[in-house]
Protein backbone atom coordinates (compact mmCIF):
# COMPACT_ATOMS: atom_id res chain seq x y z
CA MET A 1 121.95 218.83 88.62
CA LEU A 2 125.45 218.40 90.08
CA PHE A 3 123.75 216.04 92.52
CA GLN A 4 122.06 214.06 89.93
CA LEU A 5 125.40 213.55 88.11
CA TRP A 6 126.99 212.29 91.53
CA TRP A 7 124.16 209.82 91.99
CA LEU A 8 124.36 208.42 88.43
CA LEU A 9 128.53 208.13 88.97
CA GLY A 10 127.68 206.22 92.08
CA LEU A 11 125.13 203.76 90.47
CA VAL A 12 127.43 202.88 87.86
CA ALA A 13 130.77 202.24 89.92
CA GLY A 14 128.27 200.00 92.24
CA VAL A 15 127.15 197.81 89.26
CA VAL A 16 130.80 197.49 87.97
CA ASP A 17 131.83 196.48 91.40
CA ALA A 18 129.19 193.85 91.70
CA ASP A 19 130.06 192.43 88.44
CA LEU A 20 133.65 192.22 89.19
CA SER A 21 132.92 190.36 92.46
CA THR A 22 130.54 187.89 90.73
CA ARG A 23 133.34 187.28 88.20
CA GLY A 24 135.87 186.45 90.84
CA ALA A 25 133.43 184.21 92.75
CA PHE A 26 133.10 181.77 89.38
CA LEU A 27 137.07 181.64 89.40
CA LYS A 28 137.37 180.47 92.63
CA PRO A 29 137.56 176.74 93.25
CA TRP A 30 134.17 175.00 94.21
CA GLN A 31 133.71 174.25 97.78
CA PRO A 32 130.67 172.52 98.94
CA SER A 33 128.85 174.85 101.46
CA ARG A 34 125.89 174.58 104.01
CA HIS A 35 124.02 177.46 101.54
CA ARG A 36 124.42 175.43 98.58
CA ARG A 37 123.36 172.04 100.16
CA ALA A 38 120.39 173.86 101.47
CA SER A 39 119.43 175.44 97.95
CA THR A 40 119.81 171.97 96.30
CA ARG A 41 117.49 170.51 98.68
CA GLY A 42 115.00 173.41 98.09
CA ARG A 43 115.29 172.89 94.28
CA ARG A 44 114.37 169.51 94.58
CA GLN A 45 110.99 170.33 95.96
CA VAL A 46 108.53 170.10 92.86
CA THR A 47 105.25 172.13 92.91
CA PRO A 48 102.70 171.35 90.69
CA LEU A 49 102.07 173.79 87.77
CA PRO A 50 99.08 176.24 87.98
CA SER A 51 97.52 174.62 85.00
CA ALA A 52 97.50 171.23 86.49
CA SER A 53 94.33 169.80 87.19
CA PRO A 54 93.82 169.46 90.95
CA ASP A 55 92.37 165.90 90.42
CA ARG A 56 95.65 164.44 88.73
CA GLN A 57 97.48 161.65 90.44
CA ILE A 58 101.04 160.77 90.45
CA PRO A 59 101.36 157.50 88.53
CA ALA A 60 102.08 154.49 91.03
CA VAL A 61 105.28 152.92 90.78
CA GLU A 62 105.08 149.67 89.05
CA GLN A 63 105.29 146.61 91.07
CA PRO A 64 106.98 143.35 90.24
CA PRO A 65 104.73 140.83 88.52
CA ALA A 66 103.20 138.32 90.88
CA PRO A 67 104.54 134.74 90.87
CA ILE A 68 102.80 132.35 88.03
CA THR A 69 100.12 130.02 89.60
CA GLY A 70 97.95 128.06 87.36
CA SER A 71 95.42 125.05 87.20
CA SER A 72 94.36 122.86 84.72
CA SER A 73 92.68 124.44 81.70
CA PRO A 74 90.20 123.37 79.53
CA THR A 75 92.06 124.84 76.34
CA TYR A 76 94.60 121.89 76.45
CA ILE A 77 93.06 120.35 73.75
CA ARG A 78 94.05 119.46 70.12
CA PRO A 79 92.90 116.97 67.45
CA LEU A 80 95.16 114.18 66.58
CA GLY A 81 96.87 113.80 63.40
CA SER A 82 96.50 111.10 60.60
CA TRP A 83 99.60 109.40 61.68
CA GLU A 84 98.29 109.25 65.33
CA ARG A 85 95.18 107.83 64.18
CA LEU A 86 96.42 104.91 62.45
CA LEU A 87 97.86 103.44 65.49
CA THR A 88 94.61 103.27 67.56
CA LYS A 89 93.36 99.71 67.64
CA THR A 90 89.96 100.76 66.29
CA GLN A 91 87.22 97.77 66.06
CA ARG A 92 83.71 97.60 64.77
CA ASN A 93 81.27 98.72 67.23
CA ASP A 94 83.95 99.42 70.04
CA LYS A 95 84.44 103.18 70.84
CA ASP A 96 86.81 102.19 73.93
CA ALA A 97 89.40 100.47 71.77
CA PRO A 98 92.81 100.42 73.41
CA LEU A 99 95.69 102.12 71.90
CA SER A 100 99.13 100.04 71.21
CA VAL A 101 102.81 100.74 71.63
CA ALA A 102 104.49 102.68 69.28
CA GLY A 103 108.02 103.20 70.79
CA PHE A 104 110.10 102.51 73.62
CA SER A 105 113.12 103.75 75.42
CA VAL A 106 115.37 101.65 77.96
CA ASP A 107 118.09 103.42 80.16
CA GLU A 108 120.25 101.60 82.38
CA LEU A 109 121.33 103.55 85.63
CA SER A 110 124.32 102.66 87.92
CA GLY A 111 124.94 103.45 91.46
CA THR A 112 121.34 102.96 92.63
CA SER A 113 121.96 100.46 95.16
CA SER A 114 119.77 102.67 97.66
CA LEU A 115 117.33 103.59 95.16
CA THR A 116 113.68 103.50 96.58
CA ARG A 117 110.38 103.35 95.14
CA ASP A 118 109.75 106.64 96.64
CA ASP A 119 112.56 108.32 95.19
CA VAL A 120 111.38 107.07 91.82
CA ARG A 121 107.60 108.36 92.42
CA ARG A 122 108.92 111.81 93.59
CA ALA A 123 111.32 112.19 90.57
CA LEU A 124 108.48 111.00 88.39
CA ARG A 125 105.88 113.22 89.65
CA ARG A 126 108.17 116.19 88.77
CA ALA A 127 108.59 114.89 85.21
CA VAL A 128 104.74 114.43 84.98
CA SER A 129 104.35 117.83 86.24
CA MET A 130 106.56 119.64 83.66
CA HIS A 131 105.49 117.63 80.51
CA PRO A 132 101.68 118.35 79.51
CA LEU A 133 101.57 115.38 77.13
CA LEU A 134 102.34 113.19 80.01
CA ARG A 135 98.88 114.27 81.59
CA VAL A 136 96.70 113.51 78.81
CA GLN A 137 94.15 110.97 77.54
CA ILE A 138 92.43 110.58 73.96
CA ALA A 139 88.81 110.73 73.93
CA GLU A 140 85.81 110.07 71.32
CA LEU A 141 87.70 107.33 69.42
CA PRO A 142 85.82 106.50 66.26
CA ALA A 143 84.18 103.14 65.67
CA GLY A 144 84.80 101.45 62.31
CA ASN A 145 85.05 103.40 59.19
CA GLU A 146 83.84 106.92 61.13
CA PHE A 147 86.96 108.53 60.05
CA LEU A 148 86.04 108.58 56.56
CA ARG A 149 83.14 110.49 57.12
CA ARG A 150 83.16 114.28 57.12
CA LYS A 151 82.60 116.03 60.34
CA ASP A 152 81.86 119.36 61.32
CA LYS A 153 84.02 118.77 64.31
CA GLU A 154 87.38 116.90 64.22
CA TRP A 155 88.25 113.94 66.31
CA PRO A 156 89.75 112.58 68.27
CA TRP A 157 90.91 115.15 70.98
CA PHE A 158 93.71 115.32 73.32
CA TYR A 159 92.34 116.21 76.71
CA PRO A 160 94.04 116.57 80.30
CA LEU A 161 93.39 113.79 82.47
CA ASP A 162 91.28 114.60 85.47
CA ALA A 163 93.74 113.45 87.92
CA SER A 164 96.66 114.57 90.08
CA ALA A 165 100.38 113.68 89.39
CA ASP A 166 100.28 111.25 92.12
CA GLU A 167 97.35 109.30 90.92
CA LEU A 168 99.00 109.43 87.27
CA VAL A 169 102.18 108.05 88.72
CA ASP A 170 100.57 105.25 90.72
CA ARG A 171 98.76 104.34 87.65
CA ALA A 172 102.02 104.47 85.32
CA LEU A 173 104.77 103.37 87.30
CA VAL A 174 105.48 99.63 87.68
CA TRP A 175 108.31 98.65 90.04
CA ALA A 176 110.03 94.92 89.88
CA ASP A 177 112.80 94.08 92.12
CA VAL A 178 115.18 91.44 90.89
CA ASP A 179 118.45 89.49 91.95
CA THR A 180 121.12 89.73 89.30
CA ARG A 181 125.03 89.93 89.47
CA ASP A 182 126.03 92.29 86.79
CA GLY A 183 124.67 94.46 84.15
CA THR A 184 124.50 91.44 81.72
CA ASP A 185 121.90 89.88 83.68
CA LEU A 186 120.08 92.94 84.11
CA ARG A 187 119.96 93.49 80.51
CA LYS A 188 118.49 90.06 79.76
CA GLU A 189 115.78 91.21 82.43
CA TRP A 190 114.63 94.33 80.50
CA ARG A 191 114.94 92.78 77.13
CA THR A 192 112.75 89.79 78.31
CA LEU A 193 110.17 92.44 79.47
CA VAL A 194 110.27 94.61 76.26
CA GLU A 195 109.90 91.49 74.11
CA GLY A 196 106.87 90.65 75.85
CA MET A 197 105.23 93.86 76.24
CA ILE A 198 106.01 95.39 72.60
CA ASP A 199 103.26 93.69 70.78
CA GLY A 200 100.84 92.80 73.76
CA VAL A 201 100.56 95.98 76.09
CA THR A 202 98.06 98.36 75.28
CA PHE A 203 96.90 101.60 76.75
CA ALA A 204 93.39 102.74 77.80
CA HIS A 205 91.91 105.82 76.09
CA ASP A 206 90.95 107.40 79.60
CA ALA A 207 94.56 106.66 80.96
CA PRO A 208 98.16 107.58 80.47
CA LEU A 209 99.34 106.84 77.05
CA TRP A 210 102.99 106.04 78.75
CA ARG A 211 104.16 103.41 80.96
CA LEU A 212 107.25 103.36 83.13
CA HIS A 213 108.97 99.85 84.12
CA VAL A 214 111.56 100.15 86.86
CA ILE A 215 113.54 97.00 86.91
CA HIS A 216 115.91 97.45 90.12
CA SER A 217 118.71 95.33 91.25
CA PRO A 218 120.10 96.08 94.64
CA SER A 219 122.70 93.55 94.66
CA ALA A 220 124.37 94.76 91.38
CA GLY A 221 123.67 98.56 92.28
CA ARG A 222 121.86 98.79 88.93
CA SER A 223 118.83 99.56 87.44
CA ALA A 224 116.69 99.60 84.00
CA LEU A 225 113.97 102.52 82.97
CA VAL A 226 111.87 101.01 80.59
CA TRP A 227 109.77 103.52 79.08
CA LEU A 228 106.54 102.77 76.91
CA PHE A 229 104.94 105.48 74.57
CA ASN A 230 102.03 105.35 72.37
CA HIS A 231 102.47 107.05 69.13
CA ALA A 232 99.94 109.87 70.02
CA ILE A 233 102.60 111.34 72.31
CA ALA A 234 105.65 109.46 71.10
CA ASP A 235 106.17 111.86 68.01
CA GLN A 236 105.41 114.99 70.14
CA ILE A 237 107.57 114.34 72.89
CA SER A 238 111.36 113.47 73.39
CA ALA A 239 111.93 110.68 75.72
CA GLN A 240 115.65 112.07 76.22
CA VAL A 241 114.04 115.23 77.62
CA VAL A 242 111.83 113.41 79.97
CA LEU A 243 114.73 111.48 81.12
CA GLN A 244 116.87 114.19 81.56
CA ASP A 245 114.29 115.96 83.92
CA PHE A 246 113.75 112.47 85.77
CA LEU A 247 117.21 112.20 86.42
CA THR A 248 117.66 115.66 87.47
CA HIS A 249 115.03 115.11 90.39
CA LEU A 250 116.25 111.43 91.06
CA GLN A 251 119.44 112.81 92.70
CA PRO A 252 120.00 112.46 96.44
CA HIS A 253 120.02 116.23 97.18
CA GLN A 254 116.35 116.11 96.12
CA SER A 255 114.98 113.92 98.89
CA SER A 256 113.04 116.61 100.18
CA ASP A 257 109.11 116.45 99.25
CA LYS A 258 108.75 120.31 99.71
CA ASN A 259 107.32 122.08 96.55
CA THR A 260 107.11 118.99 94.64
CA ASP A 261 104.06 119.99 92.45
CA SER A 262 105.44 123.56 91.63
CA ALA A 263 105.91 123.04 88.28
CA ALA A 264 102.38 121.97 87.79
CA SER A 265 101.42 125.39 88.23
CA VAL A 266 102.77 126.62 85.23
CA PRO A 267 100.39 125.57 82.44
CA VAL A 268 102.06 124.40 78.78
CA SER A 269 99.68 124.25 75.90
CA PHE A 270 100.00 121.05 73.76
CA PRO A 271 101.88 120.98 70.71
CA PRO A 272 99.77 120.93 67.60
CA SER A 273 100.24 117.64 65.19
CA MET A 274 102.42 117.66 62.19
CA GLU A 275 99.38 118.22 59.64
CA ALA A 276 98.57 121.14 61.74
CA MET A 277 101.93 123.04 61.91
CA LEU A 278 102.52 122.02 58.21
CA PHE A 279 99.35 122.79 56.59
CA GLY A 280 96.80 124.01 59.37
CA ASN A 281 93.31 122.99 59.72
CA THR A 282 92.05 123.89 56.05
CA SER A 283 89.53 122.67 54.10
CA ILE A 284 89.66 122.66 50.10
CA GLU A 285 86.68 123.11 47.81
CA GLU A 286 87.20 121.88 44.22
CA PRO A 287 85.18 122.02 41.21
CA PHE A 288 83.33 119.16 39.63
CA VAL A 289 86.23 118.85 36.57
CA GLY A 290 88.62 118.53 39.05
CA TYR A 291 86.93 115.81 41.39
CA VAL A 292 86.44 113.77 38.22
CA LYS A 293 90.06 114.22 37.03
CA ARG A 294 91.25 113.06 40.44
CA ALA A 295 88.78 110.30 40.89
CA CYS A 296 89.74 108.81 37.67
CA SER A 297 93.44 108.84 38.42
CA TRP A 298 95.86 105.86 38.19
CA GLN A 299 95.89 106.06 42.22
CA THR A 300 91.97 105.26 42.20
CA VAL A 301 92.62 102.30 40.00
CA LYS A 302 95.25 100.91 41.96
CA HIS A 303 93.06 101.01 45.25
CA LEU A 304 90.03 99.33 43.34
CA VAL A 305 92.50 96.31 42.26
CA ARG A 306 93.60 96.02 45.94
CA ALA A 307 90.37 96.27 47.33
CA PHE A 308 88.76 93.45 44.81
CA ALA A 309 91.82 91.16 44.72
CA THR A 310 90.78 89.88 48.29
CA ILE A 311 88.09 87.91 46.56
CA VAL A 312 90.79 86.15 44.19
CA CYS A 313 93.51 86.28 46.72
CA PRO A 314 92.62 86.27 50.45
CA VAL A 315 96.20 86.76 51.32
CA MET A 316 95.91 90.57 50.30
CA LEU A 317 93.78 91.67 52.94
CA VAL A 318 92.69 95.28 53.34
CA LEU A 319 92.36 97.06 56.80
CA ASP A 320 88.36 96.65 56.92
CA ARG A 321 88.62 92.80 56.31
CA ARG A 322 91.41 92.47 58.98
CA ARG A 323 89.07 94.27 61.29
CA GLY A 324 86.58 92.09 60.80
CA GLU A 325 88.50 88.90 61.14
CA GLY A 326 89.56 90.12 64.59
CA LEU A 327 93.33 90.64 63.89
CA THR A 328 94.87 92.93 66.33
CA PRO A 329 98.22 94.44 66.70
CA SER A 330 98.88 92.29 69.65
CA GLN A 331 98.88 89.46 67.36
CA ARG A 332 102.04 90.50 65.65
CA ARG A 333 105.27 89.09 66.17
CA THR A 334 107.95 91.65 66.60
CA GLN A 335 111.75 90.63 66.34
CA LEU A 336 113.70 92.59 68.73
CA CYS A 337 117.41 93.22 67.69
CA LEU A 338 119.39 95.67 69.64
CA ARG A 339 122.52 97.06 68.34
CA THR A 340 124.84 99.38 70.09
CA LEU A 341 126.80 102.07 67.78
CA GLY A 342 130.32 102.49 68.82
CA ARG A 343 132.07 105.70 69.52
CA PRO A 344 133.91 105.88 65.78
CA LEU A 345 130.78 105.56 64.17
CA MET A 346 129.04 107.84 66.16
CA GLU A 347 131.63 110.40 65.70
CA LYS A 348 131.15 109.82 61.78
CA LEU A 349 127.77 110.23 61.84
CA ARG A 350 127.99 113.36 63.86
CA HIS A 351 130.28 114.83 61.58
CA ARG A 352 128.32 113.97 58.61
CA SER A 353 124.86 115.36 59.95
CA ARG A 354 126.40 118.56 60.75
CA GLN A 355 128.23 118.70 57.25
CA GLU A 356 125.09 117.92 55.67
CA GLY A 357 122.73 119.83 57.68
CA THR A 358 120.62 117.01 59.04
CA THR A 359 120.00 115.85 62.30
CA GLU A 360 121.09 113.18 64.51
CA THR A 361 118.52 110.78 63.15
CA ALA A 362 121.50 109.45 60.99
CA ALA A 363 122.37 107.43 64.07
CA LEU A 364 118.64 105.77 64.64
CA ILE A 365 119.09 104.66 61.12
CA ALA A 366 122.30 103.29 61.49
CA ALA A 367 121.31 101.22 64.10
CA ALA A 368 118.28 99.97 62.28
CA LEU A 369 120.45 99.10 59.11
CA MET A 370 122.85 97.05 61.44
CA ALA A 371 119.83 95.26 63.14
CA CYS A 372 118.47 94.68 59.56
CA GLN A 373 121.95 93.19 59.03
CA ASP A 374 121.89 90.81 61.63
CA VAL A 375 118.34 89.52 61.04
CA SER A 376 118.90 89.11 57.19
CA GLY A 377 122.59 88.30 57.11
CA ARG A 378 123.33 90.56 54.63
CA SER A 379 126.47 92.98 54.47
CA SER A 380 125.89 96.13 56.02
CA PRO A 381 126.01 99.32 53.99
CA LEU A 382 127.80 101.23 56.68
CA VAL A 383 130.95 99.42 56.51
């Protein structure tokens, strides 16, 4: 009995001493030791749980995405909008009718004494690779009044041209060397070029819908870029964006021909037409009463008057009769009137555009009004 009592007292004293020594260890400042590093390394070893399946695999580390590589895709097609169809030179029984020019842009460059045709081709090839609408054609053009008939499939469509960037550049680039003294003579050169092409030049439906004329004057150290666009791509693409990309690759440090077509590997879909963006491709089914009301409206009466007025007054020609007589847009006589907006007027238009929440299209409208003033002799509404 006495022995058991002494044994219990010794056991209690040992526990208390161990507890006090442990508490003292926590009060000491922490110092790294080899034992702690070894124990830490040991704790990092992860062992599978007993309940884990033996077939369970550790997920692989996520790899970075592979670089984008691409090629031409047949999904780069879309139907033309109504405004795009109106400027197709469609004639009877002629499905390969050419398309006329809808817009042009002229840009003058300085410091281009050493500019060569190869430099322009290289920069233009990069611009063609970056902008998909520069690589399209229009197929399945209608003949006569086929656009008035309902079809299951819309027409015509944008298709990618089956040609490389080099082939497109060779077909669309026109280079001309001229001998001018200053910028005034160069301006006369490109103005004469534009006046001759604005009504006469056409685009084949199976060729690029744009053209670039480069008028280079080594003696004056200046050049002019005359861009011609068909309406099918002119209202979907910004000539200024194309020009910016073109000039970026036209700099001297871009003389190397490496990775010239790298941008062509990134496919970009074509933008939709205006009608598709606003209304979508929808078909409306109306009842017979609604059709009768719409057919008997005042608009129908005016249309019938204009249609039958050609019998009495041959001057009032409808579109069908113009086609029958062979009149084409190339027989137009467009008067070219150029006006440059000064800095004060541009600042005023920019401030007003931001104030009213409109775009800088006001600058184009102002230039058009000033040009009309020169032609008609009337006072300018901008003064």
